[in-house]
Each structure stands twice: as C-alpha cells, then as structure tokens.
Amino acid sequence: MGKQKEIREIARFIALAAVHKIASLLNPSAIYAEKYRKEYTNFVKQAEHIFLGKNWNMDDKDKIRAEAQKQAHNALQSRDYIEKKKFKLLDREITEVLEELK
C-alpha cells in the first residue's frame, strides 16, 4: 500500500473513531451509545495497525490530521440526530485519537 493511501486509511479510521466517540458522548442514553463506544475502540485499533511500524514525519502527521478532520466534519454533518455542539468537540477528539497512536 502506498504512503498516500495509508494516510487516507489512517485518517478514515481516526475520523470514524472521533465521530463515534462524539456520538456516544452527546447521546449517552441512546440505544446505540454502547455500540458506538465499542466501535470507537475498534477504529482506533485499525488505525494503530496501519500507523505502527512505519516512519511518519511531521508533514505526514499533519496530512493525517487534516484529512481526518475533513472526513469527520463531513460525517458529522450528515448525522443531524447528534447535537450541534458536535463540531466543538471534533478537534479535541481527533487529538485524543492521534495521541493514542503514539
């Protein structure tokens, strides 16, 4: 797999993890909240699987963050059942996922 494809894959899993975490935080009593928490863990593990064992420079990490933010923002826009403050949590949640990958 080429580096650009790996960057997109990692970003996709980070975005999905962040979106699922935000959904579980903002709707903790919803029937799908527990499922979202479990999926969050799975998405982080999938991103970690690609991320670990590779040499990522700061430029690569910046690309991963930017792509993850873009994908997560698009995913959150389509989920109108989640409160509007979901966008305020996005940067924090993406940062948390990235820190778990280190």
PDB file of N, CA and C in Angstrom:
ATOM      1  N   MET A   1       0.857  -1.170   0.000  1.00  0.00           N
ATOM      2  CA  MET A   1       0.000   0.000   0.000  1.00  0.00           C
ATOM      3  C   MET A   1       0.903   1.234   0.000  1.00  0.00           C
ATOM      4  N   GLY A   2       0.615   2.194  -0.870  1.00  0.00           N
ATOM      5  CA  GLY A   2       1.392   3.420  -0.942  1.00  0.00           C
ATOM      6  C   GLY A   2       1.152   4.313   0.270  1.00  0.00           C
ATOM      7  N   LYS A   3       2.086   5.216   0.497  1.00  0.00           N
ATOM      8  CA  LYS A   3       2.015   6.073   1.679  1.00  0.00           C
ATOM      9  C   LYS A   3       0.761   6.959   1.678  1.00  0.00           C
ATOM     10  N   GLN A   4       0.397   7.512   0.520  1.00  0.00           N
ATOM     11  CA  GLN A   4      -0.791   8.368   0.454  1.00  0.00           C
ATOM     12  C   GLN A   4      -2.059   7.576   0.767  1.00  0.00           C
ATOM     13  N   LYS A   5      -2.100   6.351   0.284  1.00  0.00           N
ATOM     14  CA  LYS A   5      -3.265   5.507   0.579  1.00  0.00           C
ATOM     15  C   LYS A   5      -3.317   5.170   2.068  1.00  0.00           C
ATOM     16  N   GLU A   6      -2.156   4.910   2.663  1.00  0.00           N
ATOM     17  CA  GLU A   6      -2.104   4.643   4.102  1.00  0.00           C
ATOM     18  C   GLU A   6      -2.544   5.864   4.897  1.00  0.00           C
ATOM     19  N   ILE A   7      -2.139   7.046   4.462  1.00  0.00           N
ATOM     20  CA  ILE A   7      -2.552   8.280   5.136  1.00  0.00           C
ATOM     21  C   ILE A   7      -4.074   8.408   5.090  1.00  0.00           C
ATOM     22  N   ARG A   8      -4.667   8.160   3.934  1.00  0.00           N
ATOM     23  CA  ARG A   8      -6.136   8.242   3.814  1.00  0.00           C
ATOM     24  C   ARG A   8      -6.834   7.191   4.678  1.00  0.00           C
ATOM     25  N   GLU A   9      -6.278   5.978   4.724  1.00  0.00           N
ATOM     26  CA  GLU A   9      -6.866   4.909   5.540  1.00  0.00           C
ATOM     27  C   GLU A   9      -6.793   5.243   7.033  1.00  0.00           C
ATOM     28  N   ILE A  10      -5.633   5.692   7.480  1.00  0.00           N
ATOM     29  CA  ILE A  10      -5.482   6.078   8.888  1.00  0.00           C
ATOM     30  C   ILE A  10      -6.447   7.205   9.217  1.00  0.00           C
ATOM     31  N   ALA A  11      -6.510   8.206   8.344  1.00  0.00           N
ATOM     32  CA  ALA A  11      -7.400   9.347   8.563  1.00  0.00           C
ATOM     33  C   ALA A  11      -8.853   8.890   8.628  1.00  0.00           C
ATOM     34  N   ARG A  12      -9.213   7.946   7.791  1.00  0.00           N
ATOM     35  CA  ARG A  12     -10.596   7.441   7.791  1.00  0.00           C
ATOM     36  C   ARG A  12     -10.934   6.780   9.121  1.00  0.00           C
ATOM     37  N   PHE A  13     -10.028   5.951   9.630  1.00  0.00           N
ATOM     38  CA  PHE A  13     -10.285   5.289  10.907  1.00  0.00           C
ATOM     39  C   PHE A  13     -10.292   6.288  12.067  1.00  0.00           C
ATOM     40  N   ILE A  14      -9.415   7.291  12.012  1.00  0.00           N
ATOM     41  CA  ILE A  14      -9.399   8.327  13.052  1.00  0.00           C
ATOM     42  C   ILE A  14     -10.704   9.106  13.023  1.00  0.00           C
ATOM     43  N   ALA A  15     -11.146   9.472  11.825  1.00  0.00           N
ATOM     44  CA  ALA A  15     -12.401  10.216  11.686  1.00  0.00           C
ATOM     45  C   ALA A  15     -13.577   9.410  12.216  1.00  0.00           C
ATOM     46  N   LEU A  16     -13.642   8.141  11.840  1.00  0.00           N
ATOM     47  CA  LEU A  16     -14.734   7.292  12.323  1.00  0.00           C
ATOM     48  C   LEU A  16     -14.687   7.140  13.840  1.00  0.00           C
ATOM     49  N   ALA A  17     -13.487   6.981  14.382  1.00  0.00           N
ATOM     50  CA  ALA A  17     -13.351   6.867  15.838  1.00  0.00           C
ATOM     51  C   ALA A  17     -13.854   8.140  16.517  1.00  0.00           C
ATOM     52  N   ALA A  18     -13.433   9.294  16.010  1.00  0.00           N
ATOM     53  CA  ALA A  18     -13.840  10.564  16.615  1.00  0.00           C
ATOM     54  C   ALA A  18     -15.352  10.766  16.531  1.00  0.00           C
ATOM     55  N   VAL A  19     -15.930  10.472  15.389  1.00  0.00           N
ATOM     56  CA  VAL A  19     -17.378  10.634  15.203  1.00  0.00           C
ATOM     57  C   VAL A  19     -18.145   9.712  16.146  1.00  0.00           C
ATOM     58  N   HIS A  20     -17.707   8.480  16.270  1.00  0.00           N
ATOM     59  CA  HIS A  20     -18.394   7.544  17.162  1.00  0.00           C
ATOM     60  C   HIS A  20     -18.244   7.952  18.624  1.00  0.00           C
ATOM     61  N   LYS A  21     -17.086   8.445  18.989  1.00  0.00           N
ATOM     62  CA  LYS A  21     -16.894   8.902  20.375  1.00  0.00           C
ATOM     63  C   LYS A  21     -17.787  10.107  20.662  1.00  0.00           C
ATOM     64  N   ILE A  22     -17.840  11.051  19.736  1.00  0.00           N
ATOM     65  CA  ILE A  22     -18.686  12.234  19.914  1.00  0.00           C
ATOM     66  C   ILE A  22     -20.152  11.811  20.035  1.00  0.00           C
ATOM     67  N   ALA A  23     -20.589  10.892  19.198  1.00  0.00           N
ATOM     68  CA  ALA A  23     -21.980  10.423  19.259  1.00  0.00           C
ATOM     69  C   ALA A  23     -22.279   9.776  20.604  1.00  0.00           C
ATOM     70  N   SER A  24     -21.332   9.006  21.121  1.00  0.00           N
ATOM     71  CA  SER A  24     -21.583   8.352  22.410  1.00  0.00           C
ATOM     72  C   SER A  24     -21.532   9.351  23.564  1.00  0.00           C
ATOM     73  N   LEU A  25     -20.721  10.402  23.435  1.00  0.00           N
ATOM     74  CA  LEU A  25     -20.652  11.425  24.488  1.00  0.00           C
ATOM     75  C   LEU A  25     -21.904  12.294  24.531  1.00  0.00           C
ATOM     76  N   LEU A  26     -22.394  12.670  23.367  1.00  0.00           N
ATOM     77  CA  LEU A  26     -23.533  13.591  23.312  1.00  0.00           C
ATOM     78  C   LEU A  26     -24.879  12.899  23.462  1.00  0.00           C
ATOM     79  N   ASN A  27     -24.918  11.598  23.254  1.00  0.00           N
ATOM     80  CA  ASN A  27     -26.155  10.835  23.393  1.00  0.00           C
ATOM     81  C   ASN A  27     -25.903   9.591  24.242  1.00  0.00           C
ATOM     82  N   PRO A  28     -25.470   9.762  25.489  1.00  0.00           N
ATOM     83  CA  PRO A  28     -25.067   8.592  26.291  1.00  0.00           C
ATOM     84  C   PRO A  28     -26.201   7.623  26.610  1.00  0.00           C
ATOM     85  N   SER A  29     -27.432   8.088  26.581  1.00  0.00           N
ATOM     86  CA  SER A  29     -28.541   7.202  26.919  1.00  0.00           C
ATOM     87  C   SER A  29     -29.194   6.580  25.686  1.00  0.00           C
ATOM     88  N   ALA A  30     -28.711   6.932  24.501  1.00  0.00           N
ATOM     89  CA  ALA A  30     -29.283   6.365  23.280  1.00  0.00           C
ATOM     90  C   ALA A  30     -28.959   4.872  23.202  1.00  0.00           C
ATOM     91  N   ILE A  31     -29.798   4.152  22.511  1.00  0.00           N
ATOM     92  CA  ILE A  31     -29.633   2.700  22.444  1.00  0.00           C
ATOM     93  C   ILE A  31     -28.347   2.291  21.731  1.00  0.00           C
ATOM     94  N   TYR A  32     -27.823   3.133  20.887  1.00  0.00           N
ATOM     95  CA  TYR A  32     -26.619   2.801  20.140  1.00  0.00           C
ATOM     96  C   TYR A  32     -25.346   3.344  20.785  1.00  0.00           C
ATOM     97  N   ALA A  33     -25.422   4.016  21.916  1.00  0.00           N
ATOM     98  CA  ALA A  33     -24.259   4.626  22.562  1.00  0.00           C
ATOM     99  C   ALA A  33     -23.195   3.592  22.927  1.00  0.00           C
ATOM    100  N   GLU A  34     -23.611   2.473  23.481  1.00  0.00           N
ATOM    101  CA  GLU A  34     -22.645   1.440  23.853  1.00  0.00           C
ATOM    102  C   GLU A  34     -21.967   0.857  22.613  1.00  0.00           C
ATOM    103  N   LYS A  35     -22.734   0.673  21.560  1.00  0.00           N
ATOM    104  CA  LYS A  35     -22.177   0.164  20.303  1.00  0.00           C
ATOM    105  C   LYS A  35     -21.142   1.149  19.760  1.00  0.00           C
ATOM    106  N   TYR A  36     -21.449   2.443  19.822  1.00  0.00           N
ATOM    107  CA  TYR A  36     -20.502   3.462  19.353  1.00  0.00           C
ATOM    108  C   TYR A  36     -19.211   3.436  20.159  1.00  0.00           C
ATOM    109  N   ARG A  37     -19.308   3.215  21.468  1.00  0.00           N
ATOM    110  CA  ARG A  37     -18.096   3.148  22.303  1.00  0.00           C
ATOM    111  C   ARG A  37     -17.223   1.960  21.899  1.00  0.00           C
ATOM    112  N   LYS A  38     -17.846   0.844  21.616  1.00  0.00           N
ATOM    113  CA  LYS A  38     -17.095  -0.340  21.192  1.00  0.00           C
ATOM    114  C   LYS A  38     -16.473  -0.124  19.812  1.00  0.00           C
ATOM    115  N   GLU A  39     -17.224   0.472  18.913  1.00  0.00           N
ATOM    116  CA  GLU A  39     -16.709   0.734  17.576  1.00  0.00           C
ATOM    117  C   GLU A  39     -15.549   1.726  17.617  1.00  0.00           C
ATOM    118  N   TYR A  40     -15.621   2.686  18.531  1.00  0.00           N
ATOM    119  CA  TYR A  40     -14.525   3.636  18.707  1.00  0.00           C
ATOM    120  C   TYR A  40     -13.219   2.881  18.948  1.00  0.00           C
ATOM    121  N   THR A  41     -13.252   1.934  19.865  1.00  0.00           N
ATOM    122  CA  THR A  41     -12.063   1.147  20.194  1.00  0.00           C
ATOM    123  C   THR A  41     -11.570   0.363  18.977  1.00  0.00           C
ATOM    124  N   ASN A  42     -12.485  -0.216  18.237  1.00  0.00           N
ATOM    125  CA  ASN A  42     -12.100  -0.979  17.045  1.00  0.00           C
ATOM    126  C   ASN A  42     -11.469  -0.087  15.982  1.00  0.00           C
ATOM    127  N   PHE A  43     -12.024   1.097  15.772  1.00  0.00           N
ATOM    128  CA  PHE A  43     -11.460   2.006  14.775  1.00  0.00           C
ATOM    129  C   PHE A  43     -10.059   2.472  15.171  1.00  0.00           C
ATOM    130  N   VAL A  44      -9.847   2.737  16.458  1.00  0.00           N
ATOM    131  CA  VAL A  44      -8.524   3.137  16.930  1.00  0.00           C
ATOM    132  C   VAL A  44      -7.527   2.003  16.688  1.00  0.00           C
ATOM    133  N   LYS A  45      -7.926   0.786  16.970  1.00  0.00           N
ATOM    134  CA  LYS A  45      -7.039  -0.367  16.752  1.00  0.00           C
ATOM    135  C   LYS A  45      -6.699  -0.538  15.272  1.00  0.00           C
ATOM    136  N   GLN A  46      -7.662  -0.300  14.408  1.00  0.00           N
ATOM    137  CA  GLN A  46      -7.404  -0.418  12.968  1.00  0.00           C
ATOM    138  C   GLN A  46      -6.429   0.659  12.493  1.00  0.00           C
ATOM    139  N   ALA A  47      -6.606   1.877  12.987  1.00  0.00           N
ATOM    140  CA  ALA A  47      -5.680   2.960  12.639  1.00  0.00           C
ATOM    141  C   ALA A  47      -4.289   2.648  13.181  1.00  0.00           C
ATOM    142  N   GLU A  48      -4.244   2.145  14.389  1.00  0.00           N
ATOM    143  CA  GLU A  48      -2.980   1.791  15.038  1.00  0.00           C
ATOM    144  C   GLU A  48      -2.245   0.705  14.250  1.00  0.00           C
ATOM    145  N   HIS A  49      -2.980  -0.234  13.734  1.00  0.00           N
ATOM    146  CA  HIS A  49      -2.396  -1.331  12.968  1.00  0.00           C
ATOM    147  C   HIS A  49      -1.623  -0.803  11.750  1.00  0.00           C
ATOM    148  N   ILE A  50      -2.168   0.188  11.080  1.00  0.00           N
ATOM    149  CA  ILE A  50      -1.508   0.786   9.918  1.00  0.00           C
ATOM    150  C   ILE A  50      -0.398   1.733  10.367  1.00  0.00           C
ATOM    151  N   PHE A  51      -0.658   2.490  11.425  1.00  0.00           N
ATOM    152  CA  PHE A  51       0.244   3.553  11.871  1.00  0.00           C
ATOM    153  C   PHE A  51       1.553   3.019  12.447  1.00  0.00           C
ATOM    154  N   LEU A  52       1.459   1.991  13.264  1.00  0.00           N
ATOM    155  CA  LEU A  52       2.641   1.475  13.945  1.00  0.00           C
ATOM    156  C   LEU A  52       3.576   0.765  12.973  1.00  0.00           C
ATOM    157  N   GLY A  53       4.855   0.868  13.242  1.00  0.00           N
ATOM    158  CA  GLY A  53       5.841   0.187  12.416  1.00  0.00           C
ATOM    159  C   GLY A  53       6.249   0.965  11.184  1.00  0.00           C
ATOM    160  N   LYS A  54       5.697   2.150  11.011  1.00  0.00           N
ATOM    161  CA  LYS A  54       6.046   2.992   9.869  1.00  0.00           C
ATOM    162  C   LYS A  54       6.741   4.252  10.379  1.00  0.00           C
ATOM    163  N   ASN A  55       7.498   4.869   9.501  1.00  0.00           N
ATOM    164  CA  ASN A  55       8.136   6.142   9.821  1.00  0.00           C
ATOM    165  C   ASN A  55       7.249   7.272   9.312  1.00  0.00           C
ATOM    166  N   TRP A  56       6.656   8.002  10.212  1.00  0.00           N
ATOM    167  CA  TRP A  56       5.785   9.113   9.849  1.00  0.00           C
ATOM    168  C   TRP A  56       6.473  10.411  10.250  1.00  0.00           C
ATOM    169  N   ASN A  57       6.707  11.295   9.283  1.00  0.00           N
ATOM    170  CA  ASN A  57       7.294  12.585   9.617  1.00  0.00           C
ATOM    171  C   ASN A  57       6.179  13.569   9.973  1.00  0.00           C
ATOM    172  N   MET A  58       6.544  14.753  10.381  1.00  0.00           N
ATOM    173  CA  MET A  58       5.551  15.749  10.814  1.00  0.00           C
ATOM    174  C   MET A  58       4.598  16.124   9.676  1.00  0.00           C
ATOM    175  N   ASP A  59       5.116  16.189   8.460  1.00  0.00           N
ATOM    176  CA  ASP A  59       4.272  16.508   7.311  1.00  0.00           C
ATOM    177  C   ASP A  59       3.204  15.427   7.120  1.00  0.00           C
ATOM    178  N   ASP A  60       3.604  14.162   7.247  1.00  0.00           N
ATOM    179  CA  ASP A  60       2.643  13.061   7.143  1.00  0.00           C
ATOM    180  C   ASP A  60       1.579  13.162   8.233  1.00  0.00           C
ATOM    181  N   LYS A  61       2.013  13.443   9.447  1.00  0.00           N
ATOM    182  CA  LYS A  61       1.070  13.548  10.565  1.00  0.00           C
ATOM    183  C   LYS A  61       0.104  14.711  10.369  1.00  0.00           C
ATOM    184  N   ASP A  62       0.613  15.815   9.818  1.00  0.00           N
ATOM    185  CA  ASP A  62      -0.263  16.959   9.531  1.00  0.00           C
ATOM    186  C   ASP A  62      -1.295  16.596   8.463  1.00  0.00           C
ATOM    187  N   LYS A  63      -0.864  15.832   7.464  1.00  0.00           N
ATOM    188  CA  LYS A  63      -1.792  15.389   6.412  1.00  0.00           C
ATOM    189  C   LYS A  63      -2.852  14.459   6.992  1.00  0.00           C
ATOM    190  N   ILE A  64      -2.425  13.570   7.880  1.00  0.00           N
ATOM    191  CA  ILE A  64      -3.365  12.643   8.519  1.00  0.00           C
ATOM    192  C   ILE A  64      -4.406  13.426   9.309  1.00  0.00           C
ATOM    193  N   ARG A  65      -3.947  14.396  10.109  1.00  0.00           N
ATOM    194  CA  ARG A  65      -4.866  15.213  10.916  1.00  0.00           C
ATOM    195  C   ARG A  65      -5.846  15.980  10.033  1.00  0.00           C
ATOM    196  N   ALA A  66      -5.334  16.634   8.992  1.00  0.00           N
ATOM    197  CA  ALA A  66      -6.197  17.435   8.112  1.00  0.00           C
ATOM    198  C   ALA A  66      -7.235  16.562   7.412  1.00  0.00           C
ATOM    199  N   GLU A  67      -6.804  15.419   6.913  1.00  0.00           N
ATOM    200  CA  GLU A  67      -7.736  14.523   6.231  1.00  0.00           C
ATOM    201  C   GLU A  67      -8.763  13.956   7.211  1.00  0.00           C
ATOM    202  N   ALA A  68      -8.334  13.619   8.421  1.00  0.00           N
ATOM    203  CA  ALA A  68      -9.259  13.101   9.437  1.00  0.00           C
ATOM    204  C   ALA A  68     -10.292  14.160   9.812  1.00  0.00           C
ATOM    205  N   GLN A  69      -9.856  15.407   9.966  1.00  0.00           N
ATOM    206  CA  GLN A  69     -10.799  16.478  10.306  1.00  0.00           C
ATOM    207  C   GLN A  69     -11.823  16.670   9.195  1.00  0.00           C
ATOM    208  N   LYS A  70     -11.355  16.643   7.956  1.00  0.00           N
ATOM    209  CA  LYS A  70     -12.261  16.822   6.823  1.00  0.00           C
ATOM    210  C   LYS A  70     -13.292  15.689   6.769  1.00  0.00           C
ATOM    211  N   GLN A  71     -12.821  14.456   6.889  1.00  0.00           N
ATOM    212  CA  GLN A  71     -13.734  13.315   6.827  1.00  0.00           C
ATOM    213  C   GLN A  71     -14.704  13.293   8.007  1.00  0.00           C
ATOM    214  N   ALA A  72     -14.200  13.618   9.193  1.00  0.00           N
ATOM    215  CA  ALA A  72     -15.061  13.623  10.383  1.00  0.00           C
ATOM    216  C   ALA A  72     -16.108  14.727  10.289  1.00  0.00           C
ATOM    217  N   HIS A  73     -15.704  15.889   9.812  1.00  0.00           N
ATOM    218  CA  HIS A  73     -16.652  17.002   9.669  1.00  0.00           C
ATOM    219  C   HIS A  73     -17.776  16.609   8.714  1.00  0.00           C
ATOM    220  N   ASN A  74     -17.411  16.005   7.584  1.00  0.00           N
ATOM    221  CA  ASN A  74     -18.427  15.557   6.623  1.00  0.00           C
ATOM    222  C   ASN A  74     -19.352  14.509   7.232  1.00  0.00           C
ATOM    223  N   ALA A  75     -18.787  13.588   7.986  1.00  0.00           N
ATOM    224  CA  ALA A  75     -19.604  12.549   8.615  1.00  0.00           C
ATOM    225  C   ALA A  75     -20.549  13.145   9.654  1.00  0.00           C
ATOM    226  N   LEU A  76     -20.075  14.112  10.425  1.00  0.00           N
ATOM    227  CA  LEU A  76     -20.924  14.734  11.448  1.00  0.00           C
ATOM    228  C   LEU A  76     -22.033  15.564  10.821  1.00  0.00           C
ATOM    229  N   GLN A  77     -21.758  16.189   9.699  1.00  0.00           N
ATOM    230  CA  GLN A  77     -22.792  16.983   9.028  1.00  0.00           C
ATOM    231  C   GLN A  77     -23.982  16.115   8.635  1.00  0.00           C
ATOM    232  N   SER A  78     -23.709  14.895   8.242  1.00  0.00           N
ATOM    233  CA  SER A  78     -24.796  14.019   7.801  1.00  0.00           C
ATOM    234  C   SER A  78     -25.560  13.392   8.969  1.00  0.00           C
ATOM    235  N   ARG A  79     -25.036  13.524  10.170  1.00  0.00           N
ATOM    236  CA  ARG A  79     -25.704  12.946  11.340  1.00  0.00           C
ATOM    237  C   ARG A  79     -26.433  14.061  12.102  1.00  0.00           C
ATOM    238  N   ASP A  80     -27.604  14.405  11.627  1.00  0.00           N
ATOM    239  CA  ASP A  80     -28.345  15.512  12.221  1.00  0.00           C
ATOM    240  C   ASP A  80     -29.010  15.151  13.543  1.00  0.00           C
ATOM    241  N   TYR A  81     -28.970  13.888  13.925  1.00  0.00           N
ATOM    242  CA  TYR A  81     -29.536  13.475  15.206  1.00  0.00           C
ATOM    243  C   TYR A  81     -28.578  13.739  16.367  1.00  0.00           C
ATOM    244  N   ILE A  82     -27.362  14.147  16.076  1.00  0.00           N
ATOM    245  CA  ILE A  82     -26.396  14.484  17.118  1.00  0.00           C
ATOM    246  C   ILE A  82     -26.452  15.993  17.331  1.00  0.00           C
ATOM    247  N   GLU A  83     -26.385  16.409  18.587  1.00  0.00           N
ATOM    248  CA  GLU A  83     -26.466  17.835  18.922  1.00  0.00           C
ATOM    249  C   GLU A  83     -25.470  18.668  18.123  1.00  0.00           C
ATOM    250  N   LYS A  84     -25.794  19.961  17.955  1.00  0.00           N
ATOM    251  CA  LYS A  84     -24.964  20.871  17.168  1.00  0.00           C
ATOM    252  C   LYS A  84     -23.577  21.100  17.771  1.00  0.00           C
ATOM    253  N   LYS A  85     -23.420  20.895  19.066  1.00  0.00           N
ATOM    254  CA  LYS A  85     -22.103  21.129  19.669  1.00  0.00           C
ATOM    255  C   LYS A  85     -21.093  20.047  19.293  1.00  0.00           C
ATOM    256  N   LYS A  86     -21.523  19.123  18.458  1.00  0.00           N
ATOM    257  CA  LYS A  86     -20.629  18.054  17.993  1.00  0.00           C
ATOM    258  C   LYS A  86     -19.393  18.618  17.304  1.00  0.00           C
ATOM    259  N   PHE A  87     -19.529  19.737  16.602  1.00  0.00           N
ATOM    260  CA  PHE A  87     -18.395  20.322  15.894  1.00  0.00           C
ATOM    261  C   PHE A  87     -17.377  20.938  16.845  1.00  0.00           C
ATOM    262  N   LYS A  88     -17.846  21.372  18.013  1.00  0.00           N
ATOM    263  CA  LYS A  88     -16.934  21.939  19.013  1.00  0.00           C
ATOM    264  C   LYS A  88     -16.034  20.865  19.624  1.00  0.00           C
ATOM    265  N   LEU A  89     -16.490  19.636  19.638  1.00  0.00           N
ATOM    266  CA  LEU A  89     -15.726  18.533  20.219  1.00  0.00           C
ATOM    267  C   LEU A  89     -14.770  17.878  19.225  1.00  0.00           C
ATOM    268  N   LEU A  90     -14.918  18.195  17.969  1.00  0.00           N
ATOM    269  CA  LEU A  90     -14.193  17.474  16.918  1.00  0.00           C
ATOM    270  C   LEU A  90     -12.676  17.546  17.060  1.00  0.00           C
ATOM    271  N   ASP A  91     -12.116  18.739  17.203  1.00  0.00           N
ATOM    272  CA  ASP A  91     -10.650  18.870  17.308  1.00  0.00           C
ATOM    273  C   ASP A  91     -10.103  18.103  18.503  1.00  0.00           C
ATOM    274  N   ARG A  92     -10.785  18.218  19.628  1.00  0.00           N
ATOM    275  CA  ARG A  92     -10.332  17.534  20.844  1.00  0.00           C
ATOM    276  C   ARG A  92     -10.328  16.022  20.660  1.00  0.00           C
ATOM    277  N   GLU A  93     -11.378  15.487  20.064  1.00  0.00           N
ATOM    278  CA  GLU A  93     -11.477  14.042  19.894  1.00  0.00           C
ATOM    279  C   GLU A  93     -10.468  13.507  18.880  1.00  0.00           C
ATOM    280  N   ILE A  94     -10.229  14.250  17.828  1.00  0.00           N
ATOM    281  CA  ILE A  94      -9.212  13.826  16.858  1.00  0.00           C
ATOM    282  C   ILE A  94      -7.836  13.846  17.509  1.00  0.00           C
ATOM    283  N   THR A  95      -7.566  14.863  18.305  1.00  0.00           N
ATOM    284  CA  THR A  95      -6.285  14.937  19.025  1.00  0.00           C
ATOM    285  C   THR A  95      -6.127  13.752  19.962  1.00  0.00           C
ATOM    286  N   GLU A  96      -7.184  13.388  20.667  1.00  0.00           N
ATOM    287  CA  GLU A  96      -7.126  12.242  21.584  1.00  0.00           C
ATOM    288  C   GLU A  96      -6.822  10.947  20.839  1.00  0.00           C
ATOM    289  N   VAL A  97      -7.440  10.757  19.697  1.00  0.00           N
ATOM    290  CA  VAL A  97      -7.180   9.541  18.936  1.00  0.00           C
ATOM    291  C   VAL A  97      -5.733   9.534  18.447  1.00  0.00           C
ATOM    292  N   LEU A  98      -5.266  10.665  17.950  1.00  0.00           N
ATOM    293  CA  LEU A  98      -3.877  10.737  17.480  1.00  0.00           C
ATOM    294  C   LEU A  98      -2.885  10.450  18.611  1.00  0.00           C
ATOM    295  N   GLU A  99      -3.204  10.922  19.793  1.00  0.00           N
ATOM    296  CA  GLU A  99      -2.304  10.664  20.940  1.00  0.00           C
ATOM    297  C   GLU A  99      -2.297   9.186  21.308  1.00  0.00           C
ATOM    298  N   GLU A 100      -3.400   8.494  21.096  1.00  0.00           N
ATOM    299  CA  GLU A 100      -3.435   7.055  21.377  1.00  0.00           C
ATOM    300  C   GLU A 100      -2.558   6.269  20.406  1.00  0.00           C
ATOM    301  N   LEU A 101      -2.301   6.840  19.240  1.00  0.00           N
ATOM    302  CA  LEU A 101      -1.493   6.147  18.235  1.00  0.00           C
ATOM    303  C   LEU A 101       0.004   6.266  18.479  1.00  0.00           C
ATOM    304  N   LYS A 102       0.408   7.177  19.334  1.00  0.00           N
ATOM    305  CA  LYS A 102       1.856   7.395  19.554  1.00  0.00           C
ATOM    306  C   LYS A 102       2.500   6.293  20.333  1.00  0.00           C
TER     307      LYS A 102
END
